[in-house]
């Protein structure tokens, strides 16, 4: 059984430089790869993604390329840094664009996001991780994703300016390490469950 995981890295950084968010993401994908899950990380800032609530805004919008990856994935994780205590502007845009495809349906008439599981990875050196996770996970659930228990992991530094995840060696934090494991294994477990036992149409399709 092939399980595919897609991580949308919503860092504001472009290019090949590893972001702090990506460094924590890789702790999750490393576990998934060892468990036989195909993983892909997409840095959204490297794409020309238009603002809007649609699966394709036209005019050079590159979201459709990312959207195809979402449709093929069994696991979708949103990774974001914190700025001013909130998820990044790119993460907000990504959630809006995902919402733009929520009216599309599968062969049962359910949202195409049914039988996919979602999670969140968050980094920053300021408060707001749980609020960002709450926003992301509720949004994904509202659109049809299944949210297993403990499918968010985060690391934040001390209040005020200071070293971020990579420089501070945040990967050594025991709380973060524990939640990396719970996030990875719970997503894998539920993704496999839903591939074997998809959510039935009864009660989920408007007649």
C-alpha atoms as a PDB file:
ATOM      1  CA  UNK A   1       0.000   0.000   0.000  1.00  0.00           C
ATOM      2  CA  UNK A   2       1.624   3.259  -1.143  1.00  0.00           C
ATOM      3  CA  UNK A   3       0.969   6.259   1.089  1.00  0.00           C
ATOM      4  CA  UNK A   4       1.926   9.698  -0.216  1.00  0.00           C
ATOM      5  CA  UNK A   5       2.656  12.673   2.018  1.00  0.00           C
ATOM      6  CA  UNK A   6       2.856  16.266   0.777  1.00  0.00           C
ATOM      7  CA  UNK A   7       4.238  19.052   2.948  1.00  0.00           C
ATOM      8  CA  UNK A   8       3.535  22.636   1.926  1.00  0.00           C
ATOM      9  CA  UNK A   9       6.325  24.726   3.432  1.00  0.00           C
ATOM     10  CA  UNK A  10       4.894  28.221   3.866  1.00  0.00           C
ATOM     11  CA  UNK A  11       8.171  29.870   4.825  1.00  0.00           C
ATOM     12  CA  UNK A  12       8.654  33.381   3.479  1.00  0.00           C
ATOM     13  CA  UNK A  13      12.141  32.383   2.291  1.00  0.00           C
ATOM     14  CA  UNK A  14      12.660  31.517  -1.366  1.00  0.00           C
ATOM     15  CA  UNK A  15      15.362  29.416  -2.958  1.00  0.00           C
ATOM     16  CA  UNK A  16      17.606  26.643  -1.719  1.00  0.00           C
ATOM     17  CA  UNK A  17      18.492  28.044   1.715  1.00  0.00           C
ATOM     18  CA  UNK A  18      16.974  25.734   4.328  1.00  0.00           C
ATOM     19  CA  UNK A  19      14.359  27.532   6.391  1.00  0.00           C
ATOM     20  CA  UNK A  20      13.804  26.846  10.079  1.00  0.00           C
ATOM     21  CA  UNK A  21      10.371  25.489   9.229  1.00  0.00           C
ATOM     22  CA  UNK A  22      11.844  23.077   6.681  1.00  0.00           C
ATOM     23  CA  UNK A  23      14.397  21.858   9.221  1.00  0.00           C
ATOM     24  CA  UNK A  24      11.578  20.776  11.547  1.00  0.00           C
ATOM     25  CA  UNK A  25       9.525  19.428   8.623  1.00  0.00           C
ATOM     26  CA  UNK A  26      12.426  17.120   7.739  1.00  0.00           C
ATOM     27  CA  UNK A  27      12.303  15.555  11.194  1.00  0.00           C
ATOM     28  CA  UNK A  28       8.734  14.485  10.372  1.00  0.00           C
ATOM     29  CA  UNK A  29       9.400  13.363   6.803  1.00  0.00           C
ATOM     30  CA  UNK A  30      12.465  11.418   7.942  1.00  0.00           C
ATOM     31  CA  UNK A  31      10.234   9.202  10.082  1.00  0.00           C
ATOM     32  CA  UNK A  32       7.705   8.859   7.279  1.00  0.00           C
ATOM     33  CA  UNK A  33      10.345   7.807   4.784  1.00  0.00           C
ATOM     34  CA  UNK A  34      11.646   5.158   7.167  1.00  0.00           C
ATOM     35  CA  UNK A  35       8.072   3.859   7.370  1.00  0.00           C
ATOM     36  CA  UNK A  36       7.819   3.542   3.596  1.00  0.00           C
ATOM     37  CA  UNK A  37       5.824   6.712   2.947  1.00  0.00           C
ATOM     38  CA  UNK A  38       6.598   8.672  -0.228  1.00  0.00           C
ATOM     39  CA  UNK A  39       7.192  12.288   0.835  1.00  0.00           C
ATOM     40  CA  UNK A  40       7.512  15.568  -1.026  1.00  0.00           C
ATOM     41  CA  UNK A  41       8.167  19.063   0.326  1.00  0.00           C
ATOM     42  CA  UNK A  42       6.959  22.029  -1.721  1.00  0.00           C
ATOM     43  CA  UNK A  43       8.222  25.499  -0.822  1.00  0.00           C
ATOM     44  CA  UNK A  44       5.261  27.605  -1.875  1.00  0.00           C
ATOM     45  CA  UNK A  45       7.285  30.851  -2.043  1.00  0.00           C
ATOM     46  CA  UNK A  46       9.111  29.435  -5.072  1.00  0.00           C
ATOM     47  CA  UNK A  47       5.845  29.339  -7.048  1.00  0.00           C
ATOM     48  CA  UNK A  48       3.781  32.145  -8.541  1.00  0.00           C
ATOM     49  CA  UNK A  49       0.611  31.579  -6.532  1.00  0.00           C
ATOM     50  CA  UNK A  50      -2.209  34.093  -6.946  1.00  0.00           C
ATOM     51  CA  UNK A  51      -4.515  35.230  -4.192  1.00  0.00           C
ATOM     52  CA  UNK A  52      -8.100  34.022  -4.480  1.00  0.00           C
ATOM     53  CA  UNK A  53     -10.637  31.352  -3.617  1.00  0.00           C
ATOM     54  CA  UNK A  54     -10.381  29.092  -6.653  1.00  0.00           C
ATOM     55  CA  UNK A  55      -8.459  26.026  -7.759  1.00  0.00           C
ATOM     56  CA  UNK A  56      -7.150  28.017 -10.758  1.00  0.00           C
ATOM     57  CA  UNK A  57      -6.993  31.822 -10.938  1.00  0.00           C
ATOM     58  CA  UNK A  58      -5.496  31.837 -14.463  1.00  0.00           C
ATOM     59  CA  UNK A  59      -3.044  34.431 -15.754  1.00  0.00           C
ATOM     60  CA  UNK A  60       0.111  32.502 -14.878  1.00  0.00           C
ATOM     61  CA  UNK A  61      -1.163  31.176 -11.555  1.00  0.00           C
ATOM     62  CA  UNK A  62       0.993  28.160 -10.594  1.00  0.00           C
ATOM     63  CA  UNK A  63      -1.309  26.908  -7.841  1.00  0.00           C
ATOM     64  CA  UNK A  64      -2.826  24.227 -10.149  1.00  0.00           C
ATOM     65  CA  UNK A  65       0.561  22.449 -10.175  1.00  0.00           C
ATOM     66  CA  UNK A  66       0.545  22.327  -6.370  1.00  0.00           C
ATOM     67  CA  UNK A  67      -3.154  21.457  -6.295  1.00  0.00           C
ATOM     68  CA  UNK A  68      -2.535  18.349  -8.399  1.00  0.00           C
ATOM     69  CA  UNK A  69      -0.041  17.202  -5.774  1.00  0.00           C
ATOM     70  CA  UNK A  70      -2.641  17.768  -3.036  1.00  0.00           C
ATOM     71  CA  UNK A  71      -5.198  15.688  -4.934  1.00  0.00           C
ATOM     72  CA  UNK A  72      -2.712  12.811  -5.232  1.00  0.00           C
ATOM     73  CA  UNK A  73      -1.610  12.944  -1.578  1.00  0.00           C
ATOM     74  CA  UNK A  74      -2.984  10.898   1.309  1.00  0.00           C
ATOM     75  CA  UNK A  75      -1.312  13.135   3.905  1.00  0.00           C
ATOM     76  CA  UNK A  76      -1.143  16.935   3.655  1.00  0.00           C
ATOM     77  CA  UNK A  77       0.912  18.917   6.164  1.00  0.00           C
ATOM     78  CA  UNK A  78       1.041  22.704   6.372  1.00  0.00           C
ATOM     79  CA  UNK A  79       4.382  24.008   7.650  1.00  0.00           C
ATOM     80  CA  UNK A  80       4.601  27.637   8.706  1.00  0.00           C
ATOM     81  CA  UNK A  81       6.766  30.083  10.614  1.00  0.00           C
ATOM     82  CA  UNK A  82       5.212  32.504  13.080  1.00  0.00           C
ATOM     83  CA  UNK A  83       5.179  36.226  12.412  1.00  0.00           C
ATOM     84  CA  UNK A  84       3.486  38.622  14.851  1.00  0.00           C
ATOM     85  CA  UNK A  85       2.111  35.573  16.607  1.00  0.00           C
ATOM     86  CA  UNK A  86       0.293  34.307  13.514  1.00  0.00           C
ATOM     87  CA  UNK A  87       0.859  31.753  10.759  1.00  0.00           C
ATOM     88  CA  UNK A  88       2.589  33.270   7.750  1.00  0.00           C
ATOM     89  CA  UNK A  89       0.776  35.201   5.041  1.00  0.00           C
ATOM     90  CA  UNK A  90       1.683  32.394   2.634  1.00  0.00           C
ATOM     91  CA  UNK A  91       0.069  29.832   4.945  1.00  0.00           C
ATOM     92  CA  UNK A  92      -3.109  31.928   4.985  1.00  0.00           C
ATOM     93  CA  UNK A  93      -3.071  32.139   1.194  1.00  0.00           C
ATOM     94  CA  UNK A  94      -2.518  28.375   0.915  1.00  0.00           C
ATOM     95  CA  UNK A  95      -5.480  27.664   3.180  1.00  0.00           C
ATOM     96  CA  UNK A  96      -7.625  29.958   1.027  1.00  0.00           C
ATOM     97  CA  UNK A  97      -6.505  28.234  -2.152  1.00  0.00           C
ATOM     98  CA  UNK A  98      -7.166  24.781  -0.677  1.00  0.00           C
ATOM     99  CA  UNK A  99     -10.621  26.047   0.262  1.00  0.00           C
ATOM    100  CA  UNK A 100     -11.079  27.093  -3.360  1.00  0.00           C
ATOM    101  CA  UNK A 101     -11.051  23.416  -4.369  1.00  0.00           C
ATOM    102  CA  UNK A 102     -13.334  22.144  -1.610  1.00  0.00           C
ATOM    103  CA  UNK A 103     -16.437  22.121  -3.815  1.00  0.00           C
ATOM    104  CA  UNK A 104     -14.854  19.505  -6.092  1.00  0.00           C
ATOM    105  CA  UNK A 105     -16.046  15.986  -5.359  1.00  0.00           C
ATOM    106  CA  UNK A 106     -14.837  12.396  -5.524  1.00  0.00           C
ATOM    107  CA  UNK A 107     -16.690   9.500  -7.167  1.00  0.00           C
ATOM    108  CA  UNK A 108     -19.018   9.270  -4.136  1.00  0.00           C
ATOM    109  CA  UNK A 109     -19.939  12.939  -4.273  1.00  0.00           C
ATOM    110  CA  UNK A 110     -17.867  13.828  -1.197  1.00  0.00           C
ATOM    111  CA  UNK A 111     -15.313  16.612  -1.041  1.00  0.00           C
ATOM    112  CA  UNK A 112     -12.088  15.554  -2.743  1.00  0.00           C
ATOM    113  CA  UNK A 113     -10.379  16.078   0.624  1.00  0.00           C
ATOM    114  CA  UNK A 114     -12.267  13.179   2.195  1.00  0.00           C
ATOM    115  CA  UNK A 115      -9.991  10.259   3.153  1.00  0.00           C
ATOM    116  CA  UNK A 116      -6.978  12.566   3.367  1.00  0.00           C
ATOM    117  CA  UNK A 117      -5.380  13.392   6.701  1.00  0.00           C
ATOM    118  CA  UNK A 118      -3.880  16.714   7.726  1.00  0.00           C
ATOM    119  CA  UNK A 119      -1.314  18.093  10.134  1.00  0.00           C
ATOM    120  CA  UNK A 120       0.716  21.197  10.983  1.00  0.00           C
ATOM    121  CA  UNK A 121       4.395  21.986  11.635  1.00  0.00           C
ATOM    122  CA  UNK A 122       5.204  25.374  13.173  1.00  0.00           C
ATOM    123  CA  UNK A 123       8.395  27.217  14.122  1.00  0.00           C
ATOM    124  CA  UNK A 124       9.172  30.653  15.486  1.00  0.00           C
ATOM    125  CA  UNK A 125      10.883  32.566  18.260  1.00  0.00           C
ATOM    126  CA  UNK A 126       7.661  34.084  19.533  1.00  0.00           C
ATOM    127  CA  UNK A 127       4.275  33.002  20.863  1.00  0.00           C
ATOM    128  CA  UNK A 128       1.398  31.782  18.709  1.00  0.00           C
ATOM    129  CA  UNK A 129       2.153  28.160  17.797  1.00  0.00           C
ATOM    130  CA  UNK A 130      -1.002  26.674  19.277  1.00  0.00           C
ATOM    131  CA  UNK A 131      -3.164  29.404  17.794  1.00  0.00           C
ATOM    132  CA  UNK A 132      -1.644  28.783  14.344  1.00  0.00           C
ATOM    133  CA  UNK A 133      -2.144  25.023  14.715  1.00  0.00           C
ATOM    134  CA  UNK A 134      -5.750  25.566  15.793  1.00  0.00           C
ATOM    135  CA  UNK A 135      -6.420  27.709  12.725  1.00  0.00           C
ATOM    136  CA  UNK A 136      -4.778  25.278  10.282  1.00  0.00           C
ATOM    137  CA  UNK A 137      -6.239  22.077  11.704  1.00  0.00           C
ATOM    138  CA  UNK A 138      -9.767  23.465  12.034  1.00  0.00           C
ATOM    139  CA  UNK A 139      -9.603  24.812   8.472  1.00  0.00           C
ATOM    140  CA  UNK A 140      -8.474  21.454   7.068  1.00  0.00           C
ATOM    141  CA  UNK A 141     -11.157  19.578   9.041  1.00  0.00           C
ATOM    142  CA  UNK A 142     -13.848  21.988   7.855  1.00  0.00           C
ATOM    143  CA  UNK A 143     -12.861  21.316   4.243  1.00  0.00           C
ATOM    144  CA  UNK A 144     -13.062  17.526   4.615  1.00  0.00           C
ATOM    145  CA  UNK A 145      -9.651  16.400   5.853  1.00  0.00           C
ATOM    146  CA  UNK A 146      -9.477  13.958   8.752  1.00  0.00           C
ATOM    147  CA  UNK A 147      -7.441  15.275  11.689  1.00  0.00           C
ATOM    148  CA  UNK A 148      -6.058  12.469  13.884  1.00  0.00           C
ATOM    149  CA  UNK A 149      -4.966  13.202  17.479  1.00  0.00           C
ATOM    150  CA  UNK A 150      -1.735  15.082  18.141  1.00  0.00           C
ATOM    151  CA  UNK A 151      -1.037  16.023  14.530  1.00  0.00           C
ATOM    152  CA  UNK A 152       0.762  19.280  15.213  1.00  0.00           C
ATOM    153  CA  UNK A 153       4.345  19.804  16.264  1.00  0.00           C
ATOM    154  CA  UNK A 154       6.056  23.081  17.013  1.00  0.00           C
ATOM    155  CA  UNK A 155       9.121  24.765  18.411  1.00  0.00           C
ATOM    156  CA  UNK A 156       9.311  28.330  19.700  1.00  0.00           C
ATOM    157  CA  UNK A 157      12.218  30.121  21.319  1.00  0.00           C
ATOM    158  CA  UNK A 158      12.309  32.486  24.257  1.00  0.00           C
ATOM    159  CA  UNK A 159      10.282  35.687  24.131  1.00  0.00           C
ATOM    160  CA  UNK A 160      11.790  38.445  22.052  1.00  0.00           C
ATOM    161  CA  UNK A 161      14.521  38.375  19.399  1.00  0.00           C
ATOM    162  CA  UNK A 162      16.809  35.377  19.541  1.00  0.00           C
ATOM    163  CA  UNK A 163      18.023  32.247  17.776  1.00  0.00           C
ATOM    164  CA  UNK A 164      15.518  30.297  15.683  1.00  0.00           C
ATOM    165  CA  UNK A 165      15.055  26.530  15.353  1.00  0.00           C
ATOM    166  CA  UNK A 166      18.265  25.687  13.466  1.00  0.00           C
ATOM    167  CA  UNK A 167      20.623  27.972  15.391  1.00  0.00           C
ATOM    168  CA  UNK A 168      19.054  27.056  18.749  1.00  0.00           C
ATOM    169  CA  UNK A 169      19.221  23.316  17.978  1.00  0.00           C
ATOM    170  CA  UNK A 170      15.502  23.070  18.575  1.00  0.00           C
ATOM    171  CA  UNK A 171      15.551  19.482  17.362  1.00  0.00           C
ATOM    172  CA  UNK A 172      16.926  18.557  20.810  1.00  0.00           C
ATOM    173  CA  UNK A 173      13.801  19.789  22.604  1.00  0.00           C
ATOM    174  CA  UNK A 174      12.093  16.740  24.158  1.00  0.00           C
ATOM    175  CA  UNK A 175       8.551  18.110  23.776  1.00  0.00           C
ATOM    176  CA  UNK A 176       9.112  18.891  20.110  1.00  0.00           C
ATOM    177  CA  UNK A 177      10.704  15.481  19.463  1.00  0.00           C
ATOM    178  CA  UNK A 178       7.763  13.709  21.094  1.00  0.00           C
ATOM    179  CA  UNK A 179       5.246  15.613  19.001  1.00  0.00           C
ATOM    180  CA  UNK A 180       7.234  15.028  15.816  1.00  0.00           C
ATOM    181  CA  UNK A 181       6.833  11.313  16.430  1.00  0.00           C
ATOM    182  CA  UNK A 182       3.131  11.509  17.315  1.00  0.00           C
ATOM    183  CA  UNK A 183       2.442  13.675  14.276  1.00  0.00           C
ATOM    184  CA  UNK A 184       4.261  11.349  11.899  1.00  0.00           C
ATOM    185  CA  UNK A 185       2.985   8.019  13.193  1.00  0.00           C
ATOM    186  CA  UNK A 186      -0.622   9.127  13.761  1.00  0.00           C
ATOM    187  CA  UNK A 187      -0.849  10.584  10.261  1.00  0.00           C
ATOM    188  CA  UNK A 188       0.588   7.406   8.740  1.00  0.00           C
ATOM    189  CA  UNK A 189      -1.754   5.188  10.757  1.00  0.00           C
ATOM    190  CA  UNK A 190      -4.908   7.092   9.847  1.00  0.00           C
ATOM    191  CA  UNK A 191      -3.883   7.491   6.212  1.00  0.00           C
ATOM    192  CA  UNK A 192      -3.551   3.714   5.938  1.00  0.00           C
ATOM    193  CA  UNK A 193      -6.865   3.178   7.743  1.00  0.00           C
ATOM    194  CA  UNK A 194      -8.698   5.467   5.339  1.00  0.00           C
ATOM    195  CA  UNK A 195      -7.133   3.876   2.270  1.00  0.00           C
ATOM    196  CA  UNK A 196      -8.420   0.494   3.451  1.00  0.00           C
ATOM    197  CA  UNK A 197     -11.730   1.789   4.851  1.00  0.00           C
ATOM    198  CA  UNK A 198     -12.806   5.016   3.110  1.00  0.00           C
ATOM    199  CA  UNK A 199     -15.470   7.176   4.735  1.00  0.00           C
ATOM    200  CA  UNK A 200     -18.851   5.927   3.456  1.00  0.00           C
ATOM    201  CA  UNK A 201     -21.094   8.177   1.412  1.00  0.00           C
ATOM    202  CA  UNK A 202     -24.060   7.722   3.737  1.00  0.00           C
ATOM    203  CA  UNK A 203     -24.622  10.922   5.659  1.00  0.00           C
ATOM    204  CA  UNK A 204     -21.735  12.737   3.971  1.00  0.00           C
ATOM    205  CA  UNK A 205     -23.378  13.492   0.612  1.00  0.00           C
ATOM    206  CA  UNK A 206     -26.277  15.912   0.271  1.00  0.00           C
ATOM    207  CA  UNK A 207     -29.121  14.063  -1.431  1.00  0.00           C
END
